[in-house]
Amino acid sequence: MQNIYKLALDVQDASNPNGVINSLATVIMPAIREEPGYREQGTPYIYTHPAYILFIDKLVSMIPGCYTTDQSGVISAAYDRCHEKAQAVRS
């Protein structure tokens, strides 16, 4: 199983939206659906999942003239959480 948290961090350097979308659909989403939180909460769990948030933020940033702001700190928190989880999986 691929470390989706590391992938979410690595995708921040991506330049090909097709690759980002493909990874989101074929790696990230299936892995999230296997987590206990998804089985308990369903779709709302996805919307708050740190790997999902980073992937969506990356896709938005690839649209010319579009960007997200992180006034609420959601993206920063997702980045921090992915970093923590990526390190934990490697250990």
PDB file of N, CA and C in Angstrom:
ATOM      1  N   MET A   1       0.845  -1.186   0.000  1.00  0.00           N
ATOM      2  CA  MET A   1       0.000   0.000   0.000  1.00  0.00           C
ATOM      3  C   MET A   1       0.884   1.240   0.000  1.00  0.00           C
ATOM      4  N   GLN A   2       0.552   2.186  -0.840  1.00  0.00           N
ATOM      5  CA  GLN A   2       1.333   3.406  -0.971  1.00  0.00           C
ATOM      6  C   GLN A   2       1.052   4.371   0.178  1.00  0.00           C
ATOM      7  N   ASN A   3       2.061   5.093   0.586  1.00  0.00           N
ATOM      8  CA  ASN A   3       1.930   6.093   1.639  1.00  0.00           C
ATOM      9  C   ASN A   3       1.237   7.319   1.037  1.00  0.00           C
ATOM     10  N   ILE A   4      -0.066   7.422   1.244  1.00  0.00           N
ATOM     11  CA  ILE A   4      -0.829   8.511   0.619  1.00  0.00           C
ATOM     12  C   ILE A   4      -0.467   9.870   1.205  1.00  0.00           C
ATOM     13  N   TYR A   5       0.033   9.880   2.404  1.00  0.00           N
ATOM     14  CA  TYR A   5       0.406  11.143   3.037  1.00  0.00           C
ATOM     15  C   TYR A   5       1.682  11.693   2.410  1.00  0.00           C
ATOM     16  N   LYS A   6       2.635  10.818   2.118  1.00  0.00           N
ATOM     17  CA  LYS A   6       3.849  11.236   1.426  1.00  0.00           C
ATOM     18  C   LYS A   6       3.502  11.661   0.003  1.00  0.00           C
ATOM     19  N   LEU A   7       2.621  10.928  -0.635  1.00  0.00           N
ATOM     20  CA  LEU A   7       2.201  11.283  -1.996  1.00  0.00           C
ATOM     21  C   LEU A   7       1.545  12.661  -2.024  1.00  0.00           C
ATOM     22  N   ALA A   8       0.739  12.965  -1.012  1.00  0.00           N
ATOM     23  CA  ALA A   8       0.088  14.278  -0.936  1.00  0.00           C
ATOM     24  C   ALA A   8       1.115  15.394  -0.780  1.00  0.00           C
ATOM     25  N   LEU A   9       2.196  15.123  -0.080  1.00  0.00           N
ATOM     26  CA  LEU A   9       3.280  16.102   0.049  1.00  0.00           C
ATOM     27  C   LEU A   9       4.059  16.210  -1.256  1.00  0.00           C
ATOM     28  N   ASP A  10       4.362  15.081  -1.861  1.00  0.00           N
ATOM     29  CA  ASP A  10       5.131  15.071  -3.114  1.00  0.00           C
ATOM     30  C   ASP A  10       4.387  15.744  -4.261  1.00  0.00           C
ATOM     31  N   VAL A  11       3.072  15.627  -4.274  1.00  0.00           N
ATOM     32  CA  VAL A  11       2.287  16.183  -5.385  1.00  0.00           C
ATOM     33  C   VAL A  11       2.345  17.713  -5.417  1.00  0.00           C
ATOM     34  N   GLN A  12       2.789  18.316  -4.332  1.00  0.00           N
ATOM     35  CA  GLN A  12       2.865  19.779  -4.292  1.00  0.00           C
ATOM     36  C   GLN A  12       3.866  20.324  -5.314  1.00  0.00           C
ATOM     37  N   ASP A  13       4.767  19.473  -5.807  1.00  0.00           N
ATOM     38  CA  ASP A  13       5.728  19.876  -6.831  1.00  0.00           C
ATOM     39  C   ASP A  13       5.289  19.474  -8.236  1.00  0.00           C
ATOM     40  N   ALA A  14       4.112  18.925  -8.372  1.00  0.00           N
ATOM     41  CA  ALA A  14       3.642  18.434  -9.673  1.00  0.00           C
ATOM     42  C   ALA A  14       3.341  19.580 -10.626  1.00  0.00           C
ATOM     43  N   SER A  15       3.472  19.272 -11.916  1.00  0.00           N
ATOM     44  CA  SER A  15       3.148  20.263 -12.945  1.00  0.00           C
ATOM     45  C   SER A  15       2.163  19.724 -13.985  1.00  0.00           C
ATOM     46  N   ASN A  16       1.774  18.467 -13.834  1.00  0.00           N
ATOM     47  CA  ASN A  16       0.871  17.833 -14.789  1.00  0.00           C
ATOM     48  C   ASN A  16      -0.472  17.564 -14.112  1.00  0.00           C
ATOM     49  N   PRO A  17      -1.507  18.349 -14.440  1.00  0.00           N
ATOM     50  CA  PRO A  17      -2.799  18.134 -13.787  1.00  0.00           C
ATOM     51  C   PRO A  17      -3.381  16.745 -14.047  1.00  0.00           C
ATOM     52  N   ASN A  18      -3.102  16.178 -15.206  1.00  0.00           N
ATOM     53  CA  ASN A  18      -3.620  14.833 -15.479  1.00  0.00           C
ATOM     54  C   ASN A  18      -3.050  13.817 -14.499  1.00  0.00           C
ATOM     55  N   GLY A  19      -1.769  13.943 -14.180  1.00  0.00           N
ATOM     56  CA  GLY A  19      -1.148  13.040 -13.214  1.00  0.00           C
ATOM     57  C   GLY A  19      -1.719  13.219 -11.821  1.00  0.00           C
ATOM     58  N   VAL A  20      -1.989  14.465 -11.445  1.00  0.00           N
ATOM     59  CA  VAL A  20      -2.566  14.747 -10.128  1.00  0.00           C
ATOM     60  C   VAL A  20      -3.965  14.142 -10.034  1.00  0.00           C
ATOM     61  N   ILE A  21      -4.757  14.362 -11.051  1.00  0.00           N
ATOM     62  CA  ILE A  21      -6.127  13.825 -11.062  1.00  0.00           C
ATOM     63  C   ILE A  21      -6.102  12.299 -11.038  1.00  0.00           C
ATOM     64  N   ASN A  22      -5.217  11.707 -11.831  1.00  0.00           N
ATOM     65  CA  ASN A  22      -5.122  10.245 -11.870  1.00  0.00           C
ATOM     66  C   ASN A  22      -4.727   9.678 -10.506  1.00  0.00           C
ATOM     67  N   SER A  23      -3.737  10.299  -9.861  1.00  0.00           N
ATOM     68  CA  SER A  23      -3.321   9.823  -8.536  1.00  0.00           C
ATOM     69  C   SER A  23      -4.432   9.986  -7.504  1.00  0.00           C
ATOM     70  N   LEU A  24      -5.149  11.088  -7.594  1.00  0.00           N
ATOM     71  CA  LEU A  24      -6.269  11.314  -6.674  1.00  0.00           C
ATOM     72  C   LEU A  24      -7.321  10.221  -6.845  1.00  0.00           C
ATOM     73  N   ALA A  25      -7.643   9.911  -8.096  1.00  0.00           N
ATOM     74  CA  ALA A  25      -8.706   8.940  -8.371  1.00  0.00           C
ATOM     75  C   ALA A  25      -8.289   7.492  -8.112  1.00  0.00           C
ATOM     76  N   THR A  26      -7.042   7.145  -8.432  1.00  0.00           N
ATOM     77  CA  THR A  26      -6.650   5.734  -8.376  1.00  0.00           C
ATOM     78  C   THR A  26      -5.882   5.330  -7.125  1.00  0.00           C
ATOM     79  N   VAL A  27      -5.324   6.309  -6.405  1.00  0.00           N
ATOM     80  CA  VAL A  27      -4.543   5.975  -5.215  1.00  0.00           C
ATOM     81  C   VAL A  27      -5.163   6.573  -3.953  1.00  0.00           C
ATOM     82  N   ILE A  28      -5.372   7.877  -3.969  1.00  0.00           N
ATOM     83  CA  ILE A  28      -5.807   8.576  -2.757  1.00  0.00           C
ATOM     84  C   ILE A  28      -7.226   8.179  -2.352  1.00  0.00           C
ATOM     85  N   MET A  29      -8.175   8.312  -3.258  1.00  0.00           N
ATOM     86  CA  MET A  29      -9.572   8.043  -2.905  1.00  0.00           C
ATOM     87  C   MET A  29      -9.797   6.598  -2.463  1.00  0.00           C
ATOM     88  N   PRO A  30      -9.269   5.588  -3.175  1.00  0.00           N
ATOM     89  CA  PRO A  30      -9.464   4.224  -2.684  1.00  0.00           C
ATOM     90  C   PRO A  30      -8.855   3.991  -1.298  1.00  0.00           C
ATOM     91  N   ALA A  31      -7.689   4.593  -1.033  1.00  0.00           N
ATOM     92  CA  ALA A  31      -7.056   4.425   0.276  1.00  0.00           C
ATOM     93  C   ALA A  31      -7.883   5.081   1.378  1.00  0.00           C
ATOM     94  N   ILE A  32      -8.404   6.269   1.102  1.00  0.00           N
ATOM     95  CA  ILE A  32      -9.240   6.952   2.101  1.00  0.00           C
ATOM     96  C   ILE A  32     -10.483   6.118   2.404  1.00  0.00           C
ATOM     97  N   ARG A  33     -11.062   5.528   1.385  1.00  0.00           N
ATOM     98  CA  ARG A  33     -12.281   4.731   1.579  1.00  0.00           C
ATOM     99  C   ARG A  33     -12.036   3.470   2.408  1.00  0.00           C
ATOM    100  N   GLU A  34     -10.777   3.083   2.544  1.00  0.00           N
ATOM    101  CA  GLU A  34     -10.429   1.921   3.366  1.00  0.00           C
ATOM    102  C   GLU A  34     -10.223   2.279   4.833  1.00  0.00           C
ATOM    103  N   GLU A  35     -10.115   3.557   5.136  1.00  0.00           N
ATOM    104  CA  GLU A  35      -9.864   3.985   6.511  1.00  0.00           C
ATOM    105  C   GLU A  35     -11.137   3.870   7.358  1.00  0.00           C
ATOM    106  N   PRO A  36     -10.969   3.548   8.643  1.00  0.00           N
ATOM    107  CA  PRO A  36     -12.131   3.423   9.532  1.00  0.00           C
ATOM    108  C   PRO A  36     -12.994   4.694   9.576  1.00  0.00           C
ATOM    109  N   GLY A  37     -12.372   5.853   9.518  1.00  0.00           N
ATOM    110  CA  GLY A  37     -13.138   7.106   9.557  1.00  0.00           C
ATOM    111  C   GLY A  37     -14.127   7.219   8.423  1.00  0.00           C
ATOM    112  N   TYR A  38     -13.741   6.732   7.246  1.00  0.00           N
ATOM    113  CA  TYR A  38     -14.658   6.784   6.104  1.00  0.00           C
ATOM    114  C   TYR A  38     -15.822   5.825   6.322  1.00  0.00           C
ATOM    115  N   ARG A  39     -15.523   4.649   6.847  1.00  0.00           N
ATOM    116  CA  ARG A  39     -16.593   3.676   7.073  1.00  0.00           C
ATOM    117  C   ARG A  39     -17.586   4.195   8.116  1.00  0.00           C
ATOM    118  N   GLU A  40     -17.093   5.009   9.052  1.00  0.00           N
ATOM    119  CA  GLU A  40     -17.961   5.556  10.097  1.00  0.00           C
ATOM    120  C   GLU A  40     -18.712   6.806   9.644  1.00  0.00           C
ATOM    121  N   GLN A  41     -18.048   7.679   8.878  1.00  0.00           N
ATOM    122  CA  GLN A  41     -18.613   8.987   8.553  1.00  0.00           C
ATOM    123  C   GLN A  41     -19.019   9.168   7.097  1.00  0.00           C
ATOM    124  N   GLY A  42     -18.462   8.366   6.209  1.00  0.00           N
ATOM    125  CA  GLY A  42     -18.777   8.499   4.789  1.00  0.00           C
ATOM    126  C   GLY A  42     -18.132   9.724   4.158  1.00  0.00           C
ATOM    127  N   THR A  43     -18.840  10.324   3.231  1.00  0.00           N
ATOM    128  CA  THR A  43     -18.311  11.441   2.445  1.00  0.00           C
ATOM    129  C   THR A  43     -17.780  12.603   3.280  1.00  0.00           C
ATOM    130  N   PRO A  44     -18.417  13.009   4.359  1.00  0.00           N
ATOM    131  CA  PRO A  44     -17.847  14.116   5.146  1.00  0.00           C
ATOM    132  C   PRO A  44     -16.402  13.849   5.606  1.00  0.00           C
ATOM    133  N   TYR A  45     -16.064  12.591   5.805  1.00  0.00           N
ATOM    134  CA  TYR A  45     -14.691  12.245   6.192  1.00  0.00           C
ATOM    135  C   TYR A  45     -13.703  12.639   5.099  1.00  0.00           C
ATOM    136  N   ILE A  46     -14.086  12.410   3.851  1.00  0.00           N
ATOM    137  CA  ILE A  46     -13.217  12.747   2.720  1.00  0.00           C
ATOM    138  C   ILE A  46     -12.902  14.232   2.714  1.00  0.00           C
ATOM    139  N   TYR A  47     -13.912  15.058   2.921  1.00  0.00           N
ATOM    140  CA  TYR A  47     -13.736  16.507   2.824  1.00  0.00           C
ATOM    141  C   TYR A  47     -12.757  17.070   3.844  1.00  0.00           C
ATOM    142  N   THR A  48     -12.529  16.353   4.919  1.00  0.00           N
ATOM    143  CA  THR A  48     -11.606  16.828   5.946  1.00  0.00           C
ATOM    144  C   THR A  48     -10.296  16.029   5.980  1.00  0.00           C
ATOM    145  N   HIS A  49     -10.149  15.105   5.060  1.00  0.00           N
ATOM    146  CA  HIS A  49      -8.945  14.270   5.036  1.00  0.00           C
ATOM    147  C   HIS A  49      -7.763  15.103   4.535  1.00  0.00           C
ATOM    148  N   PRO A  50      -6.631  15.081   5.260  1.00  0.00           N
ATOM    149  CA  PRO A  50      -5.510  15.943   4.880  1.00  0.00           C
ATOM    150  C   PRO A  50      -4.934  15.661   3.491  1.00  0.00           C
ATOM    151  N   ALA A  51      -4.872  14.411   3.079  1.00  0.00           N
ATOM    152  CA  ALA A  51      -4.343  14.108   1.748  1.00  0.00           C
ATOM    153  C   ALA A  51      -5.281  14.654   0.669  1.00  0.00           C
ATOM    154  N   TYR A  52      -6.568  14.502   0.854  1.00  0.00           N
ATOM    155  CA  TYR A  52      -7.560  15.031  -0.093  1.00  0.00           C
ATOM    156  C   TYR A  52      -7.444  16.555  -0.184  1.00  0.00           C
ATOM    157  N   ILE A  53      -7.336  17.213   0.956  1.00  0.00           N
ATOM    158  CA  ILE A  53      -7.242  18.676   0.979  1.00  0.00           C
ATOM    159  C   ILE A  53      -6.017  19.149   0.196  1.00  0.00           C
ATOM    160  N   LEU A  54      -4.876  18.498   0.399  1.00  0.00           N
ATOM    161  CA  LEU A  54      -3.675  18.922  -0.323  1.00  0.00           C
ATOM    162  C   LEU A  54      -3.788  18.671  -1.817  1.00  0.00           C
ATOM    163  N   PHE A  55      -4.403  17.577  -2.205  1.00  0.00           N
ATOM    164  CA  PHE A  55      -4.592  17.308  -3.635  1.00  0.00           C
ATOM    165  C   PHE A  55      -5.517  18.343  -4.269  1.00  0.00           C
ATOM    166  N   ILE A  56      -6.611  18.654  -3.620  1.00  0.00           N
ATOM    167  CA  ILE A  56      -7.548  19.634  -4.171  1.00  0.00           C
ATOM    168  C   ILE A  56      -6.905  21.014  -4.237  1.00  0.00           C
ATOM    169  N   ASP A  57      -6.172  21.381  -3.198  1.00  0.00           N
ATOM    170  CA  ASP A  57      -5.466  22.665  -3.203  1.00  0.00           C
ATOM    171  C   ASP A  57      -4.478  22.730  -4.370  1.00  0.00           C
ATOM    172  N   LYS A  58      -3.772  21.639  -4.612  1.00  0.00           N
ATOM    173  CA  LYS A  58      -2.825  21.604  -5.738  1.00  0.00           C
ATOM    174  C   LYS A  58      -3.539  21.774  -7.061  1.00  0.00           C
ATOM    175  N   LEU A  59      -4.657  21.091  -7.235  1.00  0.00           N
ATOM    176  CA  LEU A  59      -5.406  21.218  -8.491  1.00  0.00           C
ATOM    177  C   LEU A  59      -5.882  22.653  -8.714  1.00  0.00           C
ATOM    178  N   VAL A  60      -6.376  23.292  -7.675  1.00  0.00           N
ATOM    179  CA  VAL A  60      -6.820  24.685  -7.800  1.00  0.00           C
ATOM    180  C   VAL A  60      -5.650  25.571  -8.213  1.00  0.00           C
ATOM    181  N   SER A  61      -4.490  25.322  -7.638  1.00  0.00           N
ATOM    182  CA  SER A  61      -3.321  26.154  -7.952  1.00  0.00           C
ATOM    183  C   SER A  61      -2.851  25.979  -9.393  1.00  0.00           C
ATOM    184  N   MET A  62      -3.273  24.912 -10.059  1.00  0.00           N
ATOM    185  CA  MET A  62      -2.874  24.662 -11.444  1.00  0.00           C
ATOM    186  C   MET A  62      -3.769  25.375 -12.451  1.00  0.00           C
ATOM    187  N   ILE A  63      -4.834  25.981 -11.986  1.00  0.00           N
ATOM    188  CA  ILE A  63      -5.721  26.741 -12.866  1.00  0.00           C
ATOM    189  C   ILE A  63      -5.150  28.145 -12.991  1.00  0.00           C
ATOM    190  N   PRO A  64      -4.845  28.586 -14.207  1.00  0.00           N
ATOM    191  CA  PRO A  64      -4.265  29.920 -14.368  1.00  0.00           C
ATOM    192  C   PRO A  64      -5.138  30.998 -13.715  1.00  0.00           C
ATOM    193  N   GLY A  65      -4.513  31.806 -12.901  1.00  0.00           N
ATOM    194  CA  GLY A  65      -5.216  32.899 -12.245  1.00  0.00           C
ATOM    195  C   GLY A  65      -5.972  32.511 -10.990  1.00  0.00           C
ATOM    196  N   CYS A  66      -5.956  31.241 -10.628  1.00  0.00           N
ATOM    197  CA  CYS A  66      -6.666  30.790  -9.426  1.00  0.00           C
ATOM    198  C   CYS A  66      -5.682  30.458  -8.317  1.00  0.00           C
ATOM    199  N   TYR A  67      -6.119  30.665  -7.130  1.00  0.00           N
ATOM    200  CA  TYR A  67      -5.334  30.300  -5.966  1.00  0.00           C
ATOM    201  C   TYR A  67      -6.277  30.199  -4.777  1.00  0.00           C
ATOM    202  N   THR A  68      -5.800  29.551  -3.750  1.00  0.00           N
ATOM    203  CA  THR A  68      -6.588  29.463  -2.524  1.00  0.00           C
ATOM    204  C   THR A  68      -5.885  30.283  -1.449  1.00  0.00           C
ATOM    205  N   THR A  69      -6.659  30.748  -0.528  1.00  0.00           N
ATOM    206  CA  THR A  69      -6.067  31.384   0.647  1.00  0.00           C
ATOM    207  C   THR A  69      -6.252  30.420   1.803  1.00  0.00           C
ATOM    208  N   ASP A  70      -5.433  30.559   2.781  1.00  0.00           N
ATOM    209  CA  ASP A  70      -5.487  29.651   3.923  1.00  0.00           C
ATOM    210  C   ASP A  70      -5.802  30.432   5.193  1.00  0.00           C
ATOM    211  N   GLN A  71      -6.765  31.326   5.082  1.00  0.00           N
ATOM    212  CA  GLN A  71      -7.113  32.171   6.223  1.00  0.00           C
ATOM    213  C   GLN A  71      -7.545  31.363   7.436  1.00  0.00           C
ATOM    214  N   SER A  72      -8.199  30.259   7.213  1.00  0.00           N
ATOM    215  CA  SER A  72      -8.672  29.439   8.337  1.00  0.00           C
ATOM    216  C   SER A  72      -7.617  28.448   8.815  1.00  0.00           C
ATOM    217  N   GLY A  73      -6.530  28.305   8.071  1.00  0.00           N
ATOM    218  CA  GLY A  73      -5.464  27.386   8.460  1.00  0.00           C
ATOM    219  C   GLY A  73      -5.703  25.934   8.095  1.00  0.00           C
ATOM    220  N   VAL A  74      -6.730  25.656   7.318  1.00  0.00           N
ATOM    221  CA  VAL A  74      -7.069  24.270   6.965  1.00  0.00           C
ATOM    222  C   VAL A  74      -5.965  23.628   6.125  1.00  0.00           C
ATOM    223  N   ILE A  75      -5.444  24.356   5.165  1.00  0.00           N
ATOM    224  CA  ILE A  75      -4.423  23.787   4.289  1.00  0.00           C
ATOM    225  C   ILE A  75      -3.125  23.578   5.056  1.00  0.00           C
ATOM    226  N   SER A  76      -2.739  24.539   5.868  1.00  0.00           N
ATOM    227  CA  SER A  76      -1.523  24.389   6.686  1.00  0.00           C
ATOM    228  C   SER A  76      -1.653  23.204   7.635  1.00  0.00           C
ATOM    229  N   ALA A  77      -2.805  23.058   8.237  1.00  0.00           N
ATOM    230  CA  ALA A  77      -3.035  21.936   9.147  1.00  0.00           C
ATOM    231  C   ALA A  77      -2.972  20.609   8.388  1.00  0.00           C
ATOM    232  N   ALA A  78      -3.527  20.577   7.182  1.00  0.00           N
ATOM    233  CA  ALA A  78      -3.482  19.360   6.365  1.00  0.00           C
ATOM    234  C   ALA A  78      -2.037  19.021   6.008  1.00  0.00           C
ATOM    235  N   TYR A  79      -1.261  20.034   5.659  1.00  0.00           N
ATOM    236  CA  TYR A  79       0.155  19.810   5.352  1.00  0.00           C
ATOM    237  C   TYR A  79       0.875  19.234   6.567  1.00  0.00           C
ATOM    238  N   ASP A  80       0.673  19.840   7.720  1.00  0.00           N
ATOM    239  CA  ASP A  80       1.328  19.365   8.948  1.00  0.00           C
ATOM    240  C   ASP A  80       0.917  17.933   9.267  1.00  0.00           C
ATOM    241  N   ARG A  81      -0.360  17.637   9.120  1.00  0.00           N
ATOM    242  CA  ARG A  81      -0.872  16.292   9.427  1.00  0.00           C
ATOM    243  C   ARG A  81      -0.297  15.257   8.453  1.00  0.00           C
ATOM    244  N   CYS A  82      -0.222  15.617   7.172  1.00  0.00           N
ATOM    245  CA  CYS A  82       0.363  14.696   6.184  1.00  0.00           C
ATOM    246  C   CYS A  82       1.837  14.457   6.490  1.00  0.00           C
ATOM    247  N   HIS A  83       2.526  15.503   6.879  1.00  0.00           N
ATOM    248  CA  HIS A  83       3.944  15.357   7.226  1.00  0.00           C
ATOM    249  C   HIS A  83       4.096  14.400   8.416  1.00  0.00           C
ATOM    250  N   GLU A  84       3.291  14.569   9.443  1.00  0.00           N
ATOM    251  CA  GLU A  84       3.336  13.686  10.612  1.00  0.00           C
ATOM    252  C   GLU A  84       3.028  12.240  10.236  1.00  0.00           C
ATOM    253  N   LYS A  85       1.952  12.064   9.454  1.00  0.00           N
ATOM    254  CA  LYS A  85       1.530  10.713   9.078  1.00  0.00           C
ATOM    255  C   LYS A  85       2.540  10.048   8.141  1.00  0.00           C
ATOM    256  N   ALA A  86       3.137  10.827   7.237  1.00  0.00           N
ATOM    257  CA  ALA A  86       4.140  10.272   6.322  1.00  0.00           C
ATOM    258  C   ALA A  86       5.342   9.773   7.103  1.00  0.00           C
ATOM    259  N   GLN A  87       5.754  10.515   8.110  1.00  0.00           N
ATOM    260  CA  GLN A  87       6.878  10.108   8.949  1.00  0.00           C
ATOM    261  C   GLN A  87       6.521   8.854   9.757  1.00  0.00           C
ATOM    262  N   ALA A  88       5.313   8.796  10.275  1.00  0.00           N
ATOM    263  CA  ALA A  88       4.878   7.659  11.092  1.00  0.00           C
ATOM    264  C   ALA A  88       4.835   6.375  10.274  1.00  0.00           C
ATOM    265  N   VAL A  89       4.411   6.480   9.022  1.00  0.00           N
ATOM    266  CA  VAL A  89       4.316   5.292   8.161  1.00  0.00           C
ATOM    267  C   VAL A  89       5.701   4.763   7.834  1.00  0.00           C
ATOM    268  N   ARG A  90       6.683   5.648   7.674  1.00  0.00           N
ATOM    269  CA  ARG A  90       8.044   5.228   7.359  1.00  0.00           C
ATOM    270  C   ARG A  90       8.718   4.546   8.535  1.00  0.00           C
ATOM    271  N   SER A  91       8.305   4.901   9.737  1.00  0.00           N
ATOM    272  CA  SER A  91       8.959   4.338  10.939  1.00  0.00           C
ATOM    273  C   SER A  91       8.573   2.902  11.186  1.00  0.00           C
TER     274      SER A  91
END
